[in-house]
Amino acid sequence: MRISNCLAALSGVVSLTTARPPAEGQDITKSNLRLIKISEAHPGVWVTEEEKISEYRAKNVNFIDITDIKDPETLERLCRFDADTARVAAVVYPTTVSHQTEANGLISKATTAGPQSWLKTLSDTWLFNQVKSVAAANPAIVVSQFTHSYAQPSVIARIPGSSSNLVVVGAHFDSTGGSPTARGPGADDNGSGVAVILEALRVLASSKFAPKNTMVFHFYSGEEGGLLGSADVWRSYKSAGKTVLAFVNTDMAGYSPSGKISVYNDYADTSLTAYVRRIVSAYIGSSTSDTCGYGCSDHASAYSNGFPAAYVCDEPDATSDPYIHSPNDVSSGRWPRLMIFNLRLTIK
């Protein structure tokens, strides 16, 4: 594979020569600095954890924390997200939507009662216990924590299928209020996405659903810090040689003036995205679309590690929730209808 100039610059993280140097007095050999990228062409910049939030996240500047990424292929993809370099192997998706009777039976069991209640109590310890509680209806489901170099583990639930091929849905559960000290309730970003896939897991567990392909539910920590949790999880999948047929990321599922699901187009697998649109059309109706930019959410971690990924959100960027990344990101009365839409998509 062609090794780009960007990869050459990034491959030796601590010995980086093209990244913006740290400020005077800052020591990159110590753990207080992290290396982030804000675009494919961006050479990288050393920042503190506090600066990540106050200078980037609070100002709606997307970034990926690449400090711990060592894999040359992944670094190459982070420098150029071309479709031909970003996929481990092409997956052929159905041209029509099938199994609708079975899917509709499952969808009918979904409610917003649990999700709306969960949004009031969501925290990392609570989430792990709640996922275990929901999954307990089906003893075959395995729930585990995925530990990281930082204190907050991600949570993974696995419904074994007759095939080891994986179909994955995911949502991040961390939040920010826009500064290291601000309250960050994170109801829409991304308590809503967590509530959607947790309710989908509840429905499938209580129905003792036995899938053909193994289904995996990812609840990521560290997204607001630069996709940290998902980067670790997908790096481990790549290292283990796992076969992933599809990953659908749900980041924000509650605020939508349009009342439609938005399927984003960039940093995502073209074929999978088209299939997601077909599912939306069959079960929900019309959708909106947009692009979200470099490193906007956890699908970028799957995609940069070579796995087919798609991203669904509650609204195009221009009309999205104005309260995310602030203390005002709290639940809204307009949420239930859109959350049901997202539940239909996730369950299908």
Protein backbone atom coordinates (compact mmCIF):
# COMPACT_ATOMS: atom_id res chain seq x y z
CA MET A 1 0.00 0.00 0.00
CA ARG A 2 1.23 3.51 -0.77
CA ILE A 3 2.50 5.20 2.37
CA SER A 4 1.55 8.87 2.22
CA ASN A 5 3.56 11.78 3.53
CA CYS A 6 0.89 12.20 6.19
CA LEU A 7 1.41 8.63 7.40
CA ALA A 8 5.16 9.12 7.48
CA ALA A 9 4.61 12.15 9.67
CA LEU A 10 2.21 10.37 12.01
CA SER A 11 3.87 6.96 12.33
CA GLY A 12 6.30 8.09 15.01
CA VAL A 13 3.92 9.90 17.32
CA VAL A 14 6.34 11.17 19.96
CA SER A 15 9.02 11.98 17.38
CA LEU A 16 6.54 13.90 15.23
CA THR A 17 8.24 16.71 13.31
CA THR A 18 5.34 18.13 11.30
CA ALA A 19 2.75 18.45 14.07
CA ARG A 20 2.43 21.82 15.77
CA PRO A 21 4.90 21.68 18.68
CA PRO A 22 3.65 21.89 22.25
CA ALA A 23 3.61 25.24 23.99
CA GLU A 24 6.71 26.34 25.84
CA GLY A 25 7.10 24.35 29.02
CA GLN A 26 4.87 21.46 27.87
CA ASP A 27 6.47 18.00 27.83
CA ILE A 28 5.07 15.58 25.23
CA THR A 29 6.69 12.66 27.03
CA LYS A 30 4.26 13.16 29.88
CA SER A 31 0.68 11.99 29.87
CA ASN A 32 -0.92 15.43 30.04
CA LEU A 33 -0.71 16.04 26.29
CA ARG A 34 -2.61 14.34 23.49
CA LEU A 35 -2.12 14.45 19.72
CA ILE A 36 -5.26 15.27 17.71
CA LYS A 37 -6.12 15.70 14.03
CA ILE A 38 -8.96 17.87 12.72
CA SER A 39 -8.81 16.84 9.05
CA GLU A 40 -7.07 14.43 6.70
CA ALA A 41 -4.47 17.05 5.74
CA HIS A 42 -4.00 18.40 9.26
CA PRO A 43 -0.54 17.36 10.55
CA GLY A 44 -1.74 17.09 14.13
CA VAL A 45 -1.44 19.27 17.21
CA TRP A 46 -0.52 18.55 20.82
CA VAL A 47 -3.18 19.66 23.32
CA THR A 48 -4.22 19.05 26.89
CA GLU A 49 -7.41 17.22 27.78
CA GLU A 50 -8.89 20.54 28.87
CA GLU A 51 -8.03 22.16 25.52
CA LYS A 52 -9.75 19.35 23.66
CA ILE A 53 -13.03 20.39 25.21
CA SER A 54 -12.70 24.17 25.55
CA GLU A 55 -10.88 24.89 22.28
CA TYR A 56 -12.33 22.22 20.01
CA ARG A 57 -15.42 20.37 21.22
CA ALA A 58 -17.11 23.47 22.68
CA LYS A 59 -16.47 25.30 19.41
CA ASN A 60 -17.88 22.41 17.33
CA VAL A 61 -14.52 21.57 15.81
CA ASN A 62 -14.40 17.81 15.22
CA PHE A 63 -11.19 15.96 15.99
CA ILE A 64 -9.74 12.48 16.40
CA ASP A 65 -7.27 11.71 19.19
CA ILE A 66 -4.54 9.70 17.43
CA THR A 67 -2.05 9.50 20.31
CA ASP A 68 -2.49 5.76 20.84
CA ILE A 69 -3.07 4.74 17.21
CA LYS A 70 0.00 2.87 15.93
CA ASP A 71 -1.39 0.75 13.08
CA PRO A 72 0.02 2.05 9.75
CA GLU A 73 -3.13 1.17 7.77
CA THR A 74 -5.38 2.98 10.20
CA LEU A 75 -3.12 6.02 10.23
CA GLU A 76 -3.13 6.00 6.44
CA ARG A 77 -6.92 5.97 6.38
CA LEU A 78 -7.02 8.84 8.84
CA CYS A 79 -5.00 10.81 6.31
CA ARG A 80 -7.21 9.93 3.34
CA PHE A 81 -10.63 8.35 3.82
CA ASP A 82 -10.92 6.99 0.29
CA ALA A 83 -13.48 4.23 -0.11
CA ASP A 84 -10.93 1.95 -1.80
CA THR A 85 -8.54 2.11 1.15
CA ALA A 86 -11.06 2.11 3.96
CA ARG A 87 -12.75 -1.26 3.56
CA VAL A 88 -11.36 -4.60 4.66
CA ALA A 89 -13.62 -6.36 2.15
CA ALA A 90 -16.67 -5.38 0.17
CA VAL A 91 -19.99 -6.60 1.54
CA VAL A 92 -22.93 -7.10 -0.81
CA TYR A 93 -26.11 -5.80 0.82
CA PRO A 94 -29.66 -6.79 -0.20
CA THR A 95 -31.35 -4.69 -2.86
CA THR A 96 -34.72 -5.20 -1.15
CA VAL A 97 -35.91 -5.31 2.46
CA SER A 98 -36.98 -8.74 3.71
CA HIS A 99 -38.20 -10.43 6.93
CA GLN A 100 -40.64 -7.58 7.46
CA THR A 101 -43.25 -9.66 9.28
CA GLU A 102 -40.70 -10.83 11.85
CA ALA A 103 -39.23 -7.34 12.19
CA ASN A 104 -42.62 -5.70 12.62
CA GLY A 105 -43.47 -8.15 15.39
CA LEU A 106 -40.34 -7.12 17.27
CA ILE A 107 -40.82 -3.42 16.56
CA SER A 108 -44.33 -3.57 18.05
CA LYS A 109 -42.80 -4.46 21.41
CA ALA A 110 -40.67 -1.32 21.57
CA THR A 111 -41.80 1.62 23.74
CA THR A 112 -40.36 4.97 24.80
CA ALA A 113 -41.22 4.44 28.48
CA GLY A 114 -37.88 2.84 29.31
CA PRO A 115 -35.75 5.22 27.22
CA GLN A 116 -37.36 8.32 28.71
CA SER A 117 -36.81 6.97 32.21
CA TRP A 118 -33.22 5.90 31.49
CA LEU A 119 -32.29 9.37 30.32
CA LYS A 120 -32.79 10.61 33.88
CA THR A 121 -30.31 8.19 35.44
CA LEU A 122 -27.69 7.41 32.80
CA SER A 123 -24.12 7.11 34.06
CA ASP A 124 -21.29 4.68 33.32
CA THR A 125 -21.81 2.42 36.35
CA TRP A 126 -25.58 2.55 35.97
CA LEU A 127 -25.31 1.72 32.26
CA PHE A 128 -23.27 -1.44 32.78
CA ASN A 129 -25.73 -2.69 35.38
CA GLN A 130 -28.73 -1.74 33.24
CA VAL A 131 -27.36 -3.51 30.17
CA LYS A 132 -26.82 -6.63 32.29
CA SER A 133 -30.35 -6.31 33.68
CA VAL A 134 -31.93 -5.93 30.24
CA ALA A 135 -29.85 -8.76 28.77
CA ALA A 136 -30.68 -11.15 31.63
CA ALA A 137 -33.96 -12.05 29.90
CA ASN A 138 -31.86 -14.15 27.51
CA PRO A 139 -29.07 -16.12 29.28
CA ALA A 140 -27.24 -16.53 25.95
CA ILE A 141 -26.39 -12.82 25.86
CA VAL A 142 -22.91 -11.95 27.11
CA VAL A 143 -22.30 -8.51 28.62
CA SER A 144 -18.79 -7.25 29.32
CA GLN A 145 -16.79 -4.12 29.96
CA PHE A 146 -14.02 -3.05 27.60
CA THR A 147 -11.32 -1.29 29.59
CA HIS A 148 -9.25 1.61 28.27
CA SER A 149 -6.16 3.53 29.36
CA TYR A 150 -8.52 6.04 30.98
CA ALA A 151 -10.94 5.35 33.83
CA GLN A 152 -14.27 4.92 32.00
CA PRO A 153 -14.83 1.50 30.37
CA SER A 154 -17.05 0.91 27.38
CA VAL A 155 -19.82 -1.70 27.56
CA ILE A 156 -20.44 -4.48 25.03
CA ALA A 157 -23.42 -6.86 24.78
CA ARG A 158 -23.26 -9.83 22.42
CA ILE A 159 -26.18 -11.92 21.15
CA PRO A 160 -24.58 -15.05 19.66
CA GLY A 161 -25.78 -16.17 16.25
CA SER A 162 -25.28 -19.32 14.22
CA SER A 163 -22.56 -17.41 12.35
CA SER A 164 -19.55 -15.63 13.85
CA ASN A 165 -20.03 -12.77 11.40
CA LEU A 166 -20.92 -9.62 13.28
CA VAL A 167 -23.65 -7.01 12.86
CA VAL A 168 -22.93 -4.14 15.22
CA VAL A 169 -24.88 -1.13 16.48
CA GLY A 170 -23.32 1.47 18.72
CA ALA A 171 -23.74 4.72 20.61
CA HIS A 172 -21.48 6.72 22.92
CA PHE A 173 -22.62 7.44 26.47
CA ASP A 174 -20.15 10.12 27.58
CA SER A 175 -21.06 13.80 27.39
CA THR A 176 -19.61 17.28 27.85
CA GLY A 177 -20.97 20.61 28.95
CA GLY A 178 -18.42 22.59 26.92
CA SER A 179 -15.73 22.98 29.57
CA PRO A 180 -13.98 20.65 32.03
CA THR A 181 -16.07 22.03 34.91
CA ALA A 182 -19.47 22.57 33.23
CA ARG A 183 -22.40 20.25 33.85
CA GLY A 184 -22.98 18.09 30.76
CA PRO A 185 -26.34 16.29 30.97
CA GLY A 186 -25.96 15.02 27.38
CA ALA A 187 -29.60 14.05 26.95
CA ASP A 188 -29.60 14.30 23.15
CA ASP A 189 -25.83 13.91 22.72
CA ASN A 190 -25.91 11.08 23.32
CA GLY A 191 -28.25 9.76 25.98
CA SER A 192 -30.89 9.50 23.27
CA GLY A 193 -28.75 7.20 21.11
CA VAL A 194 -27.87 5.02 24.09
CA ALA A 195 -31.54 4.75 25.07
CA VAL A 196 -32.48 3.69 21.52
CA ILE A 197 -30.04 0.80 21.24
CA LEU A 198 -30.64 -0.23 24.85
CA GLU A 199 -34.37 -0.50 24.17
CA ALA A 200 -33.62 -2.49 21.02
CA LEU A 201 -31.49 -4.84 23.11
CA ARG A 202 -34.34 -5.15 25.64
CA VAL A 203 -36.81 -6.12 22.90
CA LEU A 204 -34.48 -8.69 21.35
CA ALA A 205 -33.52 -10.16 24.74
CA SER A 206 -37.08 -10.48 26.00
CA SER A 207 -38.10 -12.09 22.69
CA LYS A 208 -35.23 -14.61 22.94
CA PHE A 209 -34.32 -13.54 19.41
CA ALA A 210 -31.82 -15.96 17.84
CA PRO A 211 -30.05 -14.18 14.96
CA LYS A 212 -28.22 -15.78 12.07
CA ASN A 213 -25.31 -13.35 12.40
CA THR A 214 -23.98 -12.51 15.84
CA MET A 215 -25.37 -9.16 17.00
CA VAL A 216 -23.21 -6.83 19.07
CA PHE A 217 -24.23 -3.69 20.96
CA HIS A 218 -21.46 -1.18 21.66
CA PHE A 219 -21.82 1.53 24.31
CA TYR A 220 -18.71 3.71 23.96
CA SER A 221 -16.99 5.95 26.44
CA GLY A 222 -14.61 8.71 25.40
CA GLU A 223 -16.28 9.90 22.20
CA GLU A 224 -16.18 13.56 23.20
CA GLY A 225 -12.46 13.19 23.88
CA GLY A 226 -11.74 12.28 20.26
CA LEU A 227 -13.40 8.89 19.63
CA LEU A 228 -11.21 7.24 22.27
CA GLY A 229 -13.43 4.33 23.28
CA SER A 230 -14.53 3.31 19.80
CA ALA A 231 -10.95 3.58 18.52
CA ASP A 232 -9.82 1.01 21.09
CA VAL A 233 -12.73 -1.33 20.42
CA TRP A 234 -12.39 -1.28 16.64
CA ARG A 235 -8.62 -1.57 16.84
CA SER A 236 -9.11 -4.78 18.84
CA TYR A 237 -11.57 -6.10 16.23
CA LYS A 238 -9.08 -5.44 13.44
CA SER A 239 -6.27 -7.09 15.37
CA ALA A 240 -8.45 -10.15 16.06
CA GLY A 241 -9.47 -10.43 12.39
CA LYS A 242 -13.19 -10.24 13.11
CA THR A 243 -15.61 -10.24 10.20
CA VAL A 244 -18.04 -7.34 10.50
CA LEU A 245 -20.88 -7.19 7.99
CA ALA A 246 -22.21 -3.84 9.13
CA PHE A 247 -21.88 -1.20 11.84
CA VAL A 248 -24.58 1.43 12.34
CA ASN A 249 -23.72 4.27 14.68
CA THR A 250 -26.49 6.21 16.44
CA ASP A 251 -25.36 9.57 17.76
CA MET A 252 -28.32 11.78 18.74
CA ALA A 253 -31.83 10.43 18.25
CA GLY A 254 -34.13 12.83 20.03
CA TYR A 255 -34.23 16.37 18.62
CA SER A 256 -35.65 16.73 15.12
CA PRO A 257 -37.64 19.68 13.77
CA SER A 258 -38.00 17.75 10.50
CA GLY A 259 -39.34 14.64 12.26
CA LYS A 260 -37.15 12.47 10.02
CA ILE A 261 -34.09 10.33 10.54
CA SER A 262 -30.98 11.76 8.90
CA VAL A 263 -28.57 9.32 7.22
CA TYR A 264 -25.14 10.87 6.84
CA ASN A 265 -22.99 10.28 3.77
CA ASP A 266 -19.35 10.97 4.63
CA TYR A 267 -16.79 8.75 6.33
CA ALA A 268 -19.20 5.88 5.82
CA ASP A 269 -19.52 2.86 3.56
CA THR A 270 -21.46 3.83 0.43
CA SER A 271 -23.20 0.47 -0.02
CA LEU A 272 -24.17 0.09 3.64
CA THR A 273 -25.46 3.67 3.72
CA ALA A 274 -27.65 2.95 0.70
CA TYR A 275 -29.01 -0.17 2.42
CA VAL A 276 -29.76 1.79 5.60
CA ARG A 277 -31.73 4.24 3.47
CA ARG A 278 -33.74 1.36 2.03
CA ILE A 279 -34.57 0.16 5.54
CA VAL A 280 -35.59 3.67 6.60
CA SER A 281 -37.84 3.95 3.55
CA ALA A 282 -39.49 0.58 4.21
CA TYR A 283 -40.14 1.03 7.95
CA ILE A 284 -40.27 4.77 8.57
CA GLY A 285 -40.59 6.79 5.37
CA SER A 286 -38.44 9.52 3.89
CA SER A 287 -35.15 10.55 5.41
CA THR A 288 -32.84 13.53 5.30
CA SER A 289 -29.11 13.47 4.63
CA ASP A 290 -25.99 15.50 5.29
CA THR A 291 -22.25 15.31 5.81
CA CYS A 292 -20.75 15.76 9.26
CA GLY A 293 -17.03 16.17 8.67
CA TYR A 294 -13.86 14.60 9.96
CA GLY A 295 -14.13 12.61 13.17
CA CYS A 296 -17.68 13.69 13.95
CA SER A 297 -18.68 10.43 15.64
CA ASP A 298 -17.73 6.82 16.32
CA HIS A 299 -18.47 5.43 12.85
CA ALA A 300 -15.16 7.04 11.83
CA SER A 301 -13.32 4.61 14.14
CA ALA A 302 -14.87 1.57 12.48
CA TYR A 303 -14.32 3.00 9.02
CA SER A 304 -10.67 3.94 9.63
CA ASN A 305 -10.04 0.36 10.81
CA GLY A 306 -11.47 -0.97 7.55
CA PHE A 307 -14.99 -1.98 8.57
CA PRO A 308 -18.24 -1.00 6.80
CA ALA A 309 -19.94 1.73 8.81
CA ALA A 310 -22.98 3.98 8.54
CA TYR A 311 -24.20 6.87 10.66
CA VAL A 312 -27.76 7.85 11.53
CA CYS A 313 -28.67 11.00 13.42
CA ASP A 314 -31.78 12.94 14.34
CA GLU A 315 -31.32 15.93 12.03
CA PRO A 316 -29.05 17.50 9.40
CA ASP A 317 -26.28 19.60 10.88
CA ALA A 318 -27.74 23.00 9.98
CA THR A 319 -30.94 22.32 11.95
CA SER A 320 -29.49 20.07 14.64
CA ASP A 321 -29.92 20.47 18.38
CA PRO A 322 -28.44 23.87 19.36
CA TYR A 323 -27.98 22.77 22.99
CA ILE A 324 -25.48 19.92 22.61
CA HIS A 325 -22.14 20.28 24.40
CA SER A 326 -23.78 22.59 26.93
CA PRO A 327 -25.57 22.38 30.29
CA ASN A 328 -28.85 22.87 28.36
CA ASP A 329 -28.78 19.50 26.60
CA VAL A 330 -31.84 18.11 28.37
CA SER A 331 -34.75 15.96 27.22
CA SER A 332 -37.54 17.40 25.07
CA GLY A 333 -41.23 16.63 24.68
CA ARG A 334 -40.82 16.17 20.94
CA TRP A 335 -38.53 13.15 21.38
CA PRO A 336 -40.84 10.09 21.61
CA ARG A 337 -41.89 9.96 17.93
CA LEU A 338 -38.34 10.18 16.60
CA MET A 339 -37.02 7.69 19.15
CA ILE A 340 -39.56 5.16 17.90
CA PHE A 341 -38.32 5.79 14.35
CA ASN A 342 -34.75 5.08 15.46
CA LEU A 343 -35.88 1.99 17.35
CA ARG A 344 -37.49 0.61 14.20
CA LEU A 345 -34.26 1.08 12.29
CA THR A 346 -32.08 -0.46 15.02
CA ILE A 347 -34.31 -3.48 15.57
CA LYS A 348 -34.52 -4.17 11.85
